[in-house]
Amino acid sequence: MPEKIEIQGRQLSQTDIDEISRLICSFPGWSRYKLSRQLCVQWNWRNYKGQLKDIASRSLLRKLEMRGYIELPPKSKKYPQRMKDM
């Protein structure tokens, strides 16, 4: 891995990725939603209104998984196809 990578506007080091991996391993029953919110809390990752940047965090986690840095738990819900009759 390069010294730092940038995803979702954040510079991530190997230490950051290791922290995420430990979080996933420590709480194997947690959903992706719960993991992303906890990550926001740990990093104090908030928008200008003070709300947790949960969607950005979930996107960051998915991108890390796509690049092979982490393995996320499986998606917990299946959403119906909304436009299947069109």
Protein backbone atom coordinates (compact mmCIF):
# COMPACT_ATOMS: atom_id res chain seq x y z
CA MET A 1 0.00 0.00 0.00
CA PRO A 2 1.21 3.53 -0.66
CA GLU A 3 2.12 5.57 2.41
CA LYS A 4 -1.26 7.34 2.28
CA ILE A 5 -4.34 6.99 0.11
CA GLU A 6 -7.18 9.48 -0.28
CA ILE A 7 -10.77 8.25 -0.22
CA GLN A 8 -13.87 10.40 0.38
CA GLY A 9 -11.67 13.43 0.98
CA ARG A 10 -9.75 11.73 3.81
CA GLN A 11 -6.08 10.84 3.84
CA LEU A 12 -5.81 7.28 5.15
CA SER A 13 -2.66 5.62 6.43
CA GLN A 14 -2.06 1.94 7.09
CA THR A 15 -2.75 2.71 10.76
CA ASP A 16 -6.23 3.98 9.84
CA ILE A 17 -6.96 0.87 7.79
CA ASP A 18 -5.71 -1.33 10.64
CA GLU A 19 -8.04 0.54 13.01
CA ILE A 20 -10.99 -0.17 10.70
CA SER A 21 -10.01 -3.84 10.43
CA ARG A 22 -9.82 -4.14 14.23
CA LEU A 23 -13.26 -2.56 14.53
CA ILE A 24 -14.72 -5.09 12.08
CA CYS A 25 -13.02 -8.01 13.84
CA SER A 26 -13.99 -6.82 17.33
CA PHE A 27 -17.69 -6.61 16.45
CA PRO A 28 -18.39 -9.31 13.85
CA GLY A 29 -22.17 -9.09 14.34
CA TRP A 30 -22.35 -5.38 13.56
CA SER A 31 -23.99 -4.21 10.35
CA ARG A 32 -22.25 -1.97 7.83
CA TYR A 33 -24.46 0.86 9.10
CA LYS A 34 -23.34 0.36 12.70
CA LEU A 35 -19.68 0.11 11.66
CA SER A 36 -19.85 3.30 9.60
CA ARG A 37 -21.51 5.25 12.42
CA GLN A 38 -18.96 4.03 14.96
CA LEU A 39 -16.15 5.02 12.62
CA CYS A 40 -17.64 8.53 12.35
CA VAL A 41 -17.76 8.77 16.13
CA GLN A 42 -14.17 7.55 16.55
CA TRP A 43 -12.86 9.96 13.92
CA ASN A 44 -15.29 12.77 14.86
CA TRP A 45 -16.24 12.85 11.17
CA ARG A 46 -19.08 15.36 10.95
CA ASN A 47 -20.55 17.81 8.48
CA TYR A 48 -20.87 21.55 9.00
CA LYS A 49 -24.14 21.01 10.93
CA GLY A 50 -22.43 18.61 13.33
CA GLN A 51 -24.15 15.50 11.96
CA LEU A 52 -22.18 12.29 11.49
CA LYS A 53 -21.01 11.80 7.90
CA ASP A 54 -22.50 8.31 7.81
CA ILE A 55 -23.03 8.08 4.04
CA ALA A 56 -19.47 9.24 3.35
CA SER A 57 -18.22 6.70 5.88
CA ARG A 58 -20.17 3.85 4.26
CA SER A 59 -18.83 4.87 0.87
CA LEU A 60 -15.28 4.93 2.25
CA LEU A 61 -15.73 1.42 3.68
CA ARG A 62 -17.11 0.09 0.37
CA LYS A 63 -14.21 1.62 -1.56
CA LEU A 64 -11.67 0.13 0.85
CA GLU A 65 -13.32 -3.26 0.36
CA MET A 66 -13.33 -2.89 -3.43
CA ARG A 67 -9.59 -2.14 -3.33
CA GLY A 68 -8.96 -5.22 -1.17
CA TYR A 69 -7.91 -3.45 2.04
CA ILE A 70 -10.77 -4.73 4.26
CA GLU A 71 -13.62 -7.24 4.21
CA LEU A 72 -17.01 -5.94 5.26
CA PRO A 73 -19.81 -8.03 6.70
CA PRO A 74 -22.45 -9.05 4.15
CA LYS A 75 -25.28 -6.65 3.44
CA SER A 76 -28.04 -7.24 5.97
CA LYS A 77 -31.08 -6.23 3.93
CA LYS A 78 -32.22 -6.91 0.42
CA TYR A 79 -34.21 -4.10 -1.10
CA PRO A 80 -36.94 -4.88 -3.63
CA GLN A 81 -36.43 -3.75 -7.18
CA ARG A 82 -38.54 -0.60 -7.32
CA MET A 83 -38.93 -0.26 -11.06
CA LYS A 84 -39.37 -3.89 -12.04
CA ASP A 85 -42.85 -3.36 -13.57
CA MET A 86 -41.74 -0.55 -15.86
